[in-house]
N, C-alpha and C. Protein backbone atom coordinates (compact mmCIF):
# COMPACT_ATOMS: atom_id res chain seq x y z
N MET A 1 -42.20 -20.28 52.72
CA MET A 1 -41.93 -19.31 51.68
C MET A 1 -42.78 -19.67 50.47
N PRO A 2 -43.48 -18.71 49.92
CA PRO A 2 -44.30 -19.01 48.74
C PRO A 2 -43.43 -19.25 47.51
N PHE A 3 -43.97 -19.98 46.58
CA PHE A 3 -43.27 -20.24 45.32
C PHE A 3 -43.12 -18.93 44.56
N LEU A 4 -41.89 -18.63 44.11
CA LEU A 4 -41.64 -17.39 43.38
C LEU A 4 -41.69 -17.68 41.89
N LYS A 5 -42.57 -16.99 41.21
CA LYS A 5 -42.74 -17.22 39.78
C LYS A 5 -41.60 -16.61 38.98
N GLY A 6 -41.53 -16.98 37.72
CA GLY A 6 -40.49 -16.46 36.85
C GLY A 6 -40.73 -15.02 36.44
N GLY A 7 -39.66 -14.37 36.01
CA GLY A 7 -39.78 -13.02 35.48
C GLY A 7 -39.88 -11.91 36.50
N ILE A 8 -39.47 -12.17 37.74
CA ILE A 8 -39.56 -11.11 38.74
C ILE A 8 -38.19 -10.61 39.20
N GLY A 9 -37.14 -11.03 38.52
CA GLY A 9 -35.81 -10.49 38.77
C GLY A 9 -34.95 -11.23 39.78
N LYS A 10 -35.27 -12.47 40.08
CA LYS A 10 -34.47 -13.21 41.06
C LYS A 10 -33.03 -13.41 40.57
N THR A 11 -32.87 -13.85 39.34
CA THR A 11 -31.53 -14.09 38.80
C THR A 11 -30.77 -12.78 38.67
N THR A 12 -31.40 -11.75 38.14
CA THR A 12 -30.75 -10.45 37.98
C THR A 12 -30.30 -9.91 39.33
N THR A 13 -31.15 -10.00 40.33
CA THR A 13 -30.79 -9.54 41.67
C THR A 13 -29.61 -10.31 42.23
N ALA A 14 -29.65 -11.63 42.11
CA ALA A 14 -28.57 -12.48 42.64
C ALA A 14 -27.24 -12.17 41.95
N VAL A 15 -27.25 -12.07 40.63
CA VAL A 15 -26.02 -11.80 39.88
C VAL A 15 -25.48 -10.41 40.22
N ASN A 16 -26.35 -9.42 40.31
CA ASN A 16 -25.90 -8.06 40.64
C ASN A 16 -25.35 -7.98 42.06
N LEU A 17 -25.97 -8.68 43.00
CA LEU A 17 -25.47 -8.68 44.38
C LEU A 17 -24.10 -9.32 44.47
N VAL A 18 -23.93 -10.47 43.83
CA VAL A 18 -22.63 -11.15 43.91
C VAL A 18 -21.55 -10.34 43.19
N ALA A 19 -21.91 -9.65 42.12
CA ALA A 19 -20.95 -8.78 41.43
C ALA A 19 -20.56 -7.60 42.32
N ALA A 20 -21.53 -7.03 43.03
CA ALA A 20 -21.23 -5.92 43.94
C ALA A 20 -20.31 -6.37 45.07
N PHE A 21 -20.54 -7.58 45.61
CA PHE A 21 -19.65 -8.11 46.64
C PHE A 21 -18.24 -8.27 46.09
N ALA A 22 -18.12 -8.79 44.88
CA ALA A 22 -16.80 -9.00 44.28
C ALA A 22 -16.09 -7.67 44.07
N ILE A 23 -16.80 -6.66 43.60
CA ILE A 23 -16.21 -5.34 43.39
C ILE A 23 -15.74 -4.76 44.72
N ALA A 24 -16.49 -5.03 45.78
CA ALA A 24 -16.11 -4.57 47.12
C ALA A 24 -15.05 -5.46 47.76
N GLU A 25 -14.50 -6.39 46.96
CA GLU A 25 -13.45 -7.31 47.40
C GLU A 25 -13.90 -8.20 48.56
N LYS A 26 -15.17 -8.58 48.52
CA LYS A 26 -15.73 -9.53 49.48
C LYS A 26 -15.92 -10.86 48.77
N LYS A 27 -15.68 -11.93 49.47
CA LYS A 27 -15.89 -13.25 48.88
C LYS A 27 -17.39 -13.54 48.84
N ALA A 28 -17.80 -14.17 47.77
CA ALA A 28 -19.21 -14.52 47.61
C ALA A 28 -19.30 -15.81 46.81
N LEU A 29 -20.30 -16.59 47.12
CA LEU A 29 -20.56 -17.82 46.38
C LEU A 29 -21.99 -17.76 45.88
N LEU A 30 -22.15 -17.80 44.58
CA LEU A 30 -23.47 -17.80 43.96
C LEU A 30 -23.76 -19.22 43.49
N ILE A 31 -24.81 -19.81 44.04
CA ILE A 31 -25.18 -21.17 43.67
C ILE A 31 -26.36 -21.10 42.73
N ASP A 32 -26.18 -21.66 41.54
CA ASP A 32 -27.20 -21.60 40.49
C ASP A 32 -28.08 -22.85 40.57
N PHE A 33 -29.29 -22.69 41.09
CA PHE A 33 -30.24 -23.80 41.18
C PHE A 33 -31.18 -23.83 39.98
N ASP A 34 -31.02 -22.94 39.05
CA ASP A 34 -31.86 -22.90 37.86
C ASP A 34 -31.45 -24.01 36.90
N LEU A 35 -32.39 -24.82 36.49
CA LEU A 35 -32.08 -25.93 35.58
C LEU A 35 -31.47 -25.44 34.26
N SER A 36 -31.81 -24.23 33.85
CA SER A 36 -31.26 -23.71 32.60
C SER A 36 -29.92 -23.00 32.81
N GLY A 37 -29.48 -22.89 34.05
CA GLY A 37 -28.19 -22.27 34.34
C GLY A 37 -28.15 -20.77 34.11
N ALA A 38 -29.24 -20.08 34.42
CA ALA A 38 -29.36 -18.66 34.12
C ALA A 38 -28.27 -17.81 34.78
N CYS A 39 -27.95 -18.07 36.03
CA CYS A 39 -26.89 -17.29 36.71
C CYS A 39 -25.54 -17.53 36.06
N SER A 40 -25.25 -18.78 35.76
CA SER A 40 -23.98 -19.12 35.12
C SER A 40 -23.84 -18.44 33.77
N ILE A 41 -24.90 -18.46 32.99
CA ILE A 41 -24.90 -17.82 31.68
C ILE A 41 -24.74 -16.31 31.84
N SER A 42 -25.42 -15.72 32.83
CA SER A 42 -25.33 -14.27 33.07
C SER A 42 -23.91 -13.85 33.41
N LEU A 43 -23.15 -14.75 34.04
CA LEU A 43 -21.77 -14.45 34.41
C LEU A 43 -20.78 -14.80 33.30
N GLY A 44 -21.30 -15.25 32.15
CA GLY A 44 -20.44 -15.50 31.00
C GLY A 44 -19.96 -16.93 30.83
N PHE A 45 -20.47 -17.84 31.63
CA PHE A 45 -20.07 -19.24 31.49
C PHE A 45 -20.94 -19.92 30.44
N GLU A 46 -20.31 -20.70 29.60
CA GLU A 46 -21.04 -21.45 28.57
C GLU A 46 -21.38 -22.82 29.13
N ASN A 47 -22.60 -23.28 28.89
CA ASN A 47 -23.07 -24.56 29.45
C ASN A 47 -22.12 -25.72 29.15
N GLU A 48 -21.59 -25.76 27.94
CA GLU A 48 -20.74 -26.89 27.57
C GLU A 48 -19.38 -26.85 28.27
N ARG A 49 -19.01 -25.74 28.89
CA ARG A 49 -17.72 -25.64 29.59
C ARG A 49 -17.86 -25.76 31.10
N LEU A 50 -19.08 -25.94 31.60
CA LEU A 50 -19.28 -26.07 33.03
C LEU A 50 -18.78 -27.43 33.51
N LYS A 51 -18.24 -27.48 34.71
CA LYS A 51 -17.67 -28.71 35.27
C LYS A 51 -18.73 -29.61 35.89
N GLY A 52 -19.91 -29.10 36.09
CA GLY A 52 -20.99 -29.84 36.73
C GLY A 52 -22.00 -28.86 37.27
N ASP A 53 -22.97 -29.36 38.02
CA ASP A 53 -23.99 -28.46 38.57
C ASP A 53 -24.34 -28.85 40.00
N ILE A 54 -25.14 -28.01 40.64
CA ILE A 54 -25.48 -28.21 42.04
C ILE A 54 -26.27 -29.49 42.24
N PHE A 55 -27.00 -29.93 41.24
CA PHE A 55 -27.79 -31.15 41.36
C PHE A 55 -26.89 -32.38 41.45
N GLN A 56 -25.73 -32.34 40.79
CA GLN A 56 -24.76 -33.41 40.92
C GLN A 56 -24.14 -33.40 42.31
N VAL A 57 -24.02 -32.24 42.90
CA VAL A 57 -23.46 -32.12 44.25
C VAL A 57 -24.45 -32.68 45.28
N ILE A 58 -25.71 -32.25 45.20
CA ILE A 58 -26.68 -32.72 46.21
C ILE A 58 -27.06 -34.18 45.99
N SER A 59 -26.73 -34.73 44.83
CA SER A 59 -26.95 -36.15 44.55
C SER A 59 -25.71 -36.98 44.88
N PHE A 60 -24.69 -36.34 45.44
CA PHE A 60 -23.43 -37.00 45.83
C PHE A 60 -22.68 -37.60 44.65
N ILE A 61 -22.83 -37.00 43.48
CA ILE A 61 -22.10 -37.44 42.29
C ILE A 61 -20.76 -36.69 42.21
N LYS A 62 -20.78 -35.41 42.59
CA LYS A 62 -19.56 -34.58 42.57
C LYS A 62 -19.45 -33.81 43.87
N TYR A 63 -18.22 -33.43 44.20
CA TYR A 63 -17.98 -32.57 45.35
C TYR A 63 -18.15 -31.11 44.94
N ILE A 64 -18.60 -30.29 45.89
CA ILE A 64 -18.86 -28.87 45.60
C ILE A 64 -17.62 -28.18 45.05
N ASP A 65 -16.44 -28.47 45.59
CA ASP A 65 -15.24 -27.78 45.12
C ASP A 65 -14.88 -28.15 43.68
N SER A 66 -15.41 -29.26 43.18
CA SER A 66 -15.10 -29.65 41.80
C SER A 66 -15.98 -28.94 40.77
N VAL A 67 -17.04 -28.27 41.22
CA VAL A 67 -17.93 -27.59 40.27
C VAL A 67 -17.93 -26.07 40.43
N VAL A 68 -17.11 -25.57 41.37
CA VAL A 68 -17.02 -24.12 41.57
C VAL A 68 -16.15 -23.50 40.48
N HIS A 69 -16.61 -22.38 39.96
CA HIS A 69 -15.87 -21.63 38.93
C HIS A 69 -15.49 -20.27 39.48
N GLN A 70 -14.27 -19.86 39.27
CA GLN A 70 -13.83 -18.52 39.64
C GLN A 70 -14.26 -17.55 38.53
N THR A 71 -14.52 -16.31 38.91
CA THR A 71 -14.85 -15.28 37.92
C THR A 71 -13.69 -14.31 37.79
N GLU A 72 -13.80 -13.40 36.84
CA GLU A 72 -12.79 -12.37 36.65
C GLU A 72 -12.77 -11.38 37.83
N LEU A 73 -13.94 -11.15 38.43
CA LEU A 73 -14.03 -10.26 39.58
C LEU A 73 -13.69 -11.04 40.83
N GLN A 74 -12.49 -10.82 41.38
CA GLN A 74 -12.08 -11.54 42.58
C GLN A 74 -11.56 -10.59 43.61
C-alpha cells in the first residue's frame, strides 16, 4: 500500500463511516493511529481526558479495553 499523504480526507472518512455505523445501531471500533489524535478530537474527546492511546497498547503498556472510549452514539 502506498503512503497516503495528509489532507486527502482519511480522518473525515473514518469518522463519518463510524458515525454512520453507530446511527445504524451497528457496533464499530475506530482506532486513532494519528499522533495528534485527529479522530479522537473529531469525536469530541479532549486530549487531556484520554485514558491512553494505541501506541501504549501496541507497546504493551496498557490493555486495549483500558483505552477504549464510548461515544454518545451507541
